PDB file of N, CA and C in Angstrom:
ATOM      1  N   UNK A   1     104.841  71.228  52.276  1.00  0.00           N
ATOM      2  CA  UNK A   1     105.959  71.587  52.310  1.00  0.00           C
ATOM      3  C   UNK A   1     106.873  70.425  52.971  1.00  0.00           C
ATOM      4  N   UNK A   2     108.043  70.272  52.478  1.00  0.00           N
ATOM      5  CA  UNK A   2     108.975  69.291  52.999  1.00  0.00           C
ATOM      6  C   UNK A   2     110.265  69.878  53.570  1.00  0.00           C
ATOM      7  N   UNK A   3     110.604  69.623  54.617  1.00  0.00           N
ATOM      8  CA  UNK A   3     111.985  70.193  55.233  1.00  0.00           C
ATOM      9  C   UNK A   3     113.027  68.936  55.409  1.00  0.00           C
ATOM     10  N   UNK A   4     114.036  69.128  54.935  1.00  0.00           N
ATOM     11  CA  UNK A   4     115.163  68.075  55.051  1.00  0.00           C
ATOM     12  C   UNK A   4     116.147  68.493  56.140  1.00  0.00           C
ATOM     13  N   UNK A   5     116.474  67.525  57.026  1.00  0.00           N
ATOM     14  CA  UNK A   5     117.310  67.653  58.164  1.00  0.00           C
ATOM     15  C   UNK A   5     118.451  66.762  58.112  1.00  0.00           C
ATOM     16  N   UNK A   6     119.547  67.129  58.621  1.00  0.00           N
ATOM     17  CA  UNK A   6     120.575  66.106  58.799  1.00  0.00           C
ATOM     18  C   UNK A   6     120.566  65.541  60.321  1.00  0.00           C
ATOM     19  N   UNK A   7     119.477  65.592  60.943  1.00  0.00           N
ATOM     20  CA  UNK A   7     119.260  65.006  62.197  1.00  0.00           C
ATOM     21  C   UNK A   7     118.679  63.741  62.100  1.00  0.00           C
ATOM     22  N   UNK A   8     118.894  62.820  63.108  1.00  0.00           N
ATOM     23  CA  UNK A   8     118.283  61.616  63.135  1.00  0.00           C
ATOM     24  C   UNK A   8     118.116  61.198  64.591  1.00  0.00           C
ATOM     25  N   UNK A   9     117.077  60.479  64.807  1.00  0.00           N
ATOM     26  CA  UNK A   9     116.870  60.170  66.288  1.00  0.00           C
ATOM     27  C   UNK A   9     116.723  58.574  66.549  1.00  0.00           C
ATOM     28  N   UNK A  10     116.937  58.270  67.724  1.00  0.00           N
ATOM     29  CA  UNK A  10     116.714  56.876  68.211  1.00  0.00           C
ATOM     30  C   UNK A  10     116.141  56.893  69.553  1.00  0.00           C
ATOM     31  N   UNK A  11     115.424  55.993  69.840  1.00  0.00           N
ATOM     32  CA  UNK A  11     114.859  55.887  71.240  1.00  0.00           C
ATOM     33  C   UNK A  11     115.383  54.542  71.847  1.00  0.00           C
ATOM     34  N   UNK A  12     115.973  54.525  72.935  1.00  0.00           N
ATOM     35  CA  UNK A  12     116.534  53.385  73.567  1.00  0.00           C
ATOM     36  C   UNK A  12     116.066  53.341  75.125  1.00  0.00           C
ATOM     37  N   UNK A  13     115.602  52.234  75.551  1.00  0.00           N
ATOM     38  CA  UNK A  13     115.222  52.160  77.046  1.00  0.00           C
ATOM     39  C   UNK A  13     116.248  51.351  77.628  1.00  0.00           C
ATOM     40  N   UNK A  14     116.957  52.016  78.664  1.00  0.00           N
ATOM     41  CA  UNK A  14     118.087  51.401  79.488  1.00  0.00           C
ATOM     42  C   UNK A  14     117.407  51.132  80.882  1.00  0.00           C
ATOM     43  N   UNK A  15     118.005  50.234  81.693  1.00  0.00           N
ATOM     44  CA  UNK A  15     117.766  49.975  82.982  1.00  0.00           C
ATOM     45  C   UNK A  15     118.275  51.077  83.923  1.00  0.00           C
ATOM     46  N   UNK A  16     119.280  51.759  83.356  1.00  0.00           N
ATOM     47  CA  UNK A  16     120.027  52.875  84.197  1.00  0.00           C
ATOM     48  C   UNK A  16     120.611  53.791  83.415  1.00  0.00           C
ATOM     49  N   UNK A  17     121.002  54.946  83.751  1.00  0.00           N
ATOM     50  CA  UNK A  17     121.669  55.875  82.900  1.00  0.00           C
ATOM     51  C   UNK A  17     123.279  55.329  82.988  1.00  0.00           C
ATOM     52  N   UNK A  18     123.846  54.711  84.021  1.00  0.00           N
ATOM     53  CA  UNK A  18     125.108  54.240  84.066  1.00  0.00           C
ATOM     54  C   UNK A  18     125.145  53.131  82.980  1.00  0.00           C
ATOM     55  N   UNK A  19     124.108  52.167  82.631  1.00  0.00           N
ATOM     56  CA  UNK A  19     124.114  51.293  81.610  1.00  0.00           C
ATOM     57  C   UNK A  19     124.315  51.919  80.238  1.00  0.00           C
ATOM     58  N   UNK A  20     123.429  53.106  80.071  1.00  0.00           N
ATOM     59  CA  UNK A  20     123.577  53.747  78.875  1.00  0.00           C
ATOM     60  C   UNK A  20     124.866  54.293  78.517  1.00  0.00           C
ATOM     61  N   UNK A  21     125.402  54.935  79.580  1.00  0.00           N
ATOM     62  CA  UNK A  21     126.881  55.629  79.544  1.00  0.00           C
ATOM     63  C   UNK A  21     127.918  54.697  79.244  1.00  0.00           C
ATOM     64  N   UNK A  22     127.760  53.266  79.730  1.00  0.00           N
ATOM     65  CA  UNK A  22     128.698  52.267  79.340  1.00  0.00           C
ATOM     66  C   UNK A  22     128.738  52.097  77.822  1.00  0.00           C
ATOM     67  N   UNK A  23     127.560  52.171  77.224  1.00  0.00           N
ATOM     68  CA  UNK A  23     127.493  51.954  75.709  1.00  0.00           C
ATOM     69  C   UNK A  23     127.895  53.114  74.825  1.00  0.00           C
ATOM     70  N   UNK A  24     127.494  54.210  75.214  1.00  0.00           N
ATOM     71  CA  UNK A  24     127.669  55.652  74.673  1.00  0.00           C
ATOM     72  C   UNK A  24     129.140  56.167  75.161  1.00  0.00           C
ATOM     73  N   UNK A  25     130.119  55.510  74.789  1.00  0.00           N
ATOM     74  CA  UNK A  25     131.519  55.849  75.161  1.00  0.00           C
ATOM     75  C   UNK A  25     131.991  56.873  74.169  1.00  0.00           C
ATOM     76  N   UNK A  26     133.231  57.562  74.694  1.00  0.00           N
ATOM     77  CA  UNK A  26     133.832  58.537  73.548  1.00  0.00           C
ATOM     78  C   UNK A  26     133.958  57.859  72.262  1.00  0.00           C
ATOM     79  N   UNK A  27     134.609  56.633  72.269  1.00  0.00           N
ATOM     80  CA  UNK A  27     134.761  55.910  71.087  1.00  0.00           C
ATOM     81  C   UNK A  27     133.585  55.604  70.200  1.00  0.00           C
ATOM     82  N   UNK A  28     132.379  55.357  70.875  1.00  0.00           N
ATOM     83  CA  UNK A  28     131.118  55.354  70.032  1.00  0.00           C
ATOM     84  C   UNK A  28     130.748  56.734  69.464  1.00  0.00           C
ATOM     85  N   UNK A  29     130.976  57.778  70.145  1.00  0.00           N
ATOM     86  CA  UNK A  29     130.725  59.100  69.545  1.00  0.00           C
ATOM     87  C   UNK A  29     131.707  59.423  68.465  1.00  0.00           C
ATOM     88  N   UNK A  30     133.050  59.093  68.467  1.00  0.00           N
ATOM     89  CA  UNK A  30     133.959  59.279  67.513  1.00  0.00           C
ATOM     90  C   UNK A  30     133.531  58.404  66.226  1.00  0.00           C
ATOM     91  N   UNK A  31     133.151  57.158  66.429  1.00  0.00           N
ATOM     92  CA  UNK A  31     132.642  56.250  65.253  1.00  0.00           C
ATOM     93  C   UNK A  31     131.590  56.884  64.638  1.00  0.00           C
ATOM     94  N   UNK A  32     130.577  57.268  65.161  1.00  0.00           N
ATOM     95  CA  UNK A  32     129.412  57.995  64.525  1.00  0.00           C
ATOM     96  C   UNK A  32     129.653  59.308  63.960  1.00  0.00           C
ATOM     97  N   UNK A  33     130.647  60.147  64.699  1.00  0.00           N
ATOM     98  CA  UNK A  33     131.032  61.325  64.044  1.00  0.00           C
ATOM     99  C   UNK A  33     131.738  60.959  62.628  1.00  0.00           C
ATOM    100  N   UNK A  34     132.591  60.120  62.541  1.00  0.00           N
ATOM    101  CA  UNK A  34     133.335  59.635  61.228  1.00  0.00           C
ATOM    102  C   UNK A  34     132.240  59.140  60.158  1.00  0.00           C
ATOM    103  N   UNK A  35     131.348  58.275  60.779  1.00  0.00           N
ATOM    104  CA  UNK A  35     130.294  57.745  59.781  1.00  0.00           C
ATOM    105  C   UNK A  35     129.449  58.739  59.165  1.00  0.00           C
ATOM    106  N   UNK A  36     129.029  59.813  59.965  1.00  0.00           N
ATOM    107  CA  UNK A  36     127.968  60.556  59.467  1.00  0.00           C
ATOM    108  C   UNK A  36     128.394  62.042  59.270  1.00  0.00           C
ATOM    109  N   UNK A  37     129.668  62.389  59.668  1.00  0.00           N
ATOM    110  CA  UNK A  37     130.097  63.737  59.460  1.00  0.00           C
ATOM    111  C   UNK A  37     129.527  64.753  60.388  1.00  0.00           C
ATOM    112  N   UNK A  38     128.920  64.472  61.333  1.00  0.00           N
ATOM    113  CA  UNK A  38     128.338  65.377  62.382  1.00  0.00           C
ATOM    114  C   UNK A  38     128.546  64.992  63.808  1.00  0.00           C
ATOM    115  N   UNK A  39     128.764  65.848  64.604  1.00  0.00           N
ATOM    116  CA  UNK A  39     128.895  65.501  65.981  1.00  0.00           C
ATOM    117  C   UNK A  39     127.580  64.755  66.654  1.00  0.00           C
ATOM    118  N   UNK A  40     127.649  63.571  67.269  1.00  0.00           N
ATOM    119  CA  UNK A  40     126.600  62.988  67.907  1.00  0.00           C
ATOM    120  C   UNK A  40     126.283  63.438  69.220  1.00  0.00           C
ATOM    121  N   UNK A  41     125.222  63.523  69.613  1.00  0.00           N
ATOM    122  CA  UNK A  41     124.790  63.943  71.011  1.00  0.00           C
ATOM    123  C   UNK A  41     123.705  62.773  71.578  1.00  0.00           C
ATOM    124  N   UNK A  42     123.861  62.818  72.863  1.00  0.00           N
ATOM    125  CA  UNK A  42     122.853  61.837  73.606  1.00  0.00           C
ATOM    126  C   UNK A  42     121.996  62.608  74.473  1.00  0.00           C
ATOM    127  N   UNK A  43     120.664  62.560  74.474  1.00  0.00           N
ATOM    128  CA  UNK A  43     119.760  63.277  75.340  1.00  0.00           C
ATOM    129  C   UNK A  43     119.185  62.265  76.028  1.00  0.00           C
ATOM    130  N   UNK A  44     119.173  62.396  77.542  1.00  0.00           N
ATOM    131  CA  UNK A  44     118.518  61.362  78.361  1.00  0.00           C
ATOM    132  C   UNK A  44     117.178  62.027  78.993  1.00  0.00           C
ATOM    133  N   UNK A  45     116.175  61.146  78.980  1.00  0.00           N
ATOM    134  CA  UNK A  45     114.853  61.571  79.394  1.00  0.00           C
ATOM    135  C   UNK A  45     114.357  60.451  80.384  1.00  0.00           C
ATOM    136  N   UNK A  46     113.822  61.043  81.470  1.00  0.00           N
ATOM    137  CA  UNK A  46     113.190  60.231  82.430  1.00  0.00           C
ATOM    138  C   UNK A  46     111.677  60.036  82.179  1.00  0.00           C
ATOM    139  N   UNK A  47     111.369  58.789  82.009  1.00  0.00           N
ATOM    140  CA  UNK A  47     110.044  58.421  81.654  1.00  0.00           C
ATOM    141  C   UNK A  47     109.176  57.948  82.710  1.00  0.00           C
ATOM    142  N   UNK A  48     107.947  58.087  82.669  1.00  0.00           N
ATOM    143  CA  UNK A  48     107.100  57.654  83.699  1.00  0.00           C
ATOM    144  C   UNK A  48     106.239  56.513  83.166  1.00  0.00           C
ATOM    145  N   UNK A  49     105.712  56.631  81.895  1.00  0.00           N
ATOM    146  CA  UNK A  49     104.898  55.574  81.248  1.00  0.00           C
ATOM    147  C   UNK A  49     105.518  55.001  79.946  1.00  0.00           C
ATOM    148  N   UNK A  50     105.565  53.862  79.674  1.00  0.00           N
ATOM    149  CA  UNK A  50     106.042  53.133  78.323  1.00  0.00           C
ATOM    150  C   UNK A  50     104.837  52.379  77.872  1.00  0.00           C
ATOM    151  N   UNK A  51     104.480  52.860  76.560  1.00  0.00           N
ATOM    152  CA  UNK A  51     103.374  51.857  76.002  1.00  0.00           C
ATOM    153  C   UNK A  51     104.188  50.928  74.860  1.00  0.00           C
ATOM    154  N   UNK A  52     103.882  49.627  75.338  1.00  0.00           N
ATOM    155  CA  UNK A  52     104.281  48.614  74.409  1.00  0.00           C
ATOM    156  C   UNK A  52     103.216  48.026  73.601  1.00  0.00           C
ATOM    157  N   UNK A  53     103.033  48.420  72.430  1.00  0.00           N
ATOM    158  CA  UNK A  53     101.895  48.102  71.484  1.00  0.00           C
ATOM    159  C   UNK A  53     101.874  46.681  71.032  1.00  0.00           C
ATOM    160  N   UNK A  54     103.087  46.093  70.963  1.00  0.00           N
ATOM    161  CA  UNK A  54     103.379  44.772  70.504  1.00  0.00           C
ATOM    162  C   UNK A  54     102.771  43.749  71.498  1.00  0.00           C
ATOM    163  N   UNK A  55     102.849  44.150  72.841  1.00  0.00           N
ATOM    164  CA  UNK A  55     102.382  43.304  73.970  1.00  0.00           C
ATOM    165  C   UNK A  55     100.915  43.898  74.535  1.00  0.00           C
ATOM    166  N   UNK A  56     100.511  44.839  73.958  1.00  0.00           N
ATOM    167  CA  UNK A  56      99.228  45.633  74.457  1.00  0.00           C
ATOM    168  C   UNK A  56      99.253  45.897  75.848  1.00  0.00           C
ATOM    169  N   UNK A  57     100.302  46.403  76.198  1.00  0.00           N
ATOM    170  CA  UNK A  57     100.824  46.811  77.631  1.00  0.00           C
ATOM    171  C   UNK A  57     101.219  48.160  77.875  1.00  0.00           C
ATOM    172  N   UNK A  58     100.897  48.585  79.043  1.00  0.00           N
ATOM    173  CA  UNK A  58     101.224  50.034  79.575  1.00  0.00           C
ATOM    174  C   UNK A  58     101.999  49.786  80.786  1.00  0.00           C
ATOM    175  N   UNK A  59     103.412  50.270  80.812  1.00  0.00           N
ATOM    176  CA  UNK A  59     104.215  50.061  81.919  1.00  0.00           C
ATOM    177  C   UNK A  59     104.431  51.296  82.643  1.00  0.00           C
ATOM    178  N   UNK A  60     104.061  51.400  83.938  1.00  0.00           N
ATOM    179  CA  UNK A  60     104.259  52.555  84.702  1.00  0.00           C
ATOM    180  C   UNK A  60     105.504  52.419  85.524  1.00  0.00           C
ATOM    181  N   UNK A  61     106.487  53.136  85.302  1.00  0.00           N
ATOM    182  CA  UNK A  61     107.757  53.131  86.163  1.00  0.00           C
ATOM    183  C   UNK A  61     107.406  53.245  87.664  1.00  0.00           C
ATOM    184  N   UNK A  62     108.025  52.279  88.442  1.00  0.00           N
ATOM    185  CA  UNK A  62     107.915  52.251  89.713  1.00  0.00           C
ATOM    186  C   UNK A  62     106.679  51.494  90.219  1.00  0.00           C
ATOM    187  N   UNK A  63     105.809  50.963  89.314  1.00  0.00           N
ATOM    188  CA  UNK A  63     104.781  50.342  89.892  1.00  0.00           C
ATOM    189  C   UNK A  63     105.096  48.748  90.043  1.00  0.00           C
ATOM    190  N   UNK A  64     104.560  48.040  91.118  1.00  0.00           N
ATOM    191  CA  UNK A  64     105.061  46.809  91.315  1.00  0.00           C
ATOM    192  C   UNK A  64     104.094  45.789  90.600  1.00  0.00           C
TER     193      UNK A  64
END
């Protein structure tokens, strides 16, 4: 069975939430809303582990 949705997702890794907020301005939301006809939302997640398959690496946040 196939379900169609008007949702899309993107994963971005930022050094800080402040850096992400500098990019995702009210103007950014307005531009996306106009382009796609739906209200854009940004959800922040705190991650502990990042897997980089292209480098065959696992990054643990806070590890030296």
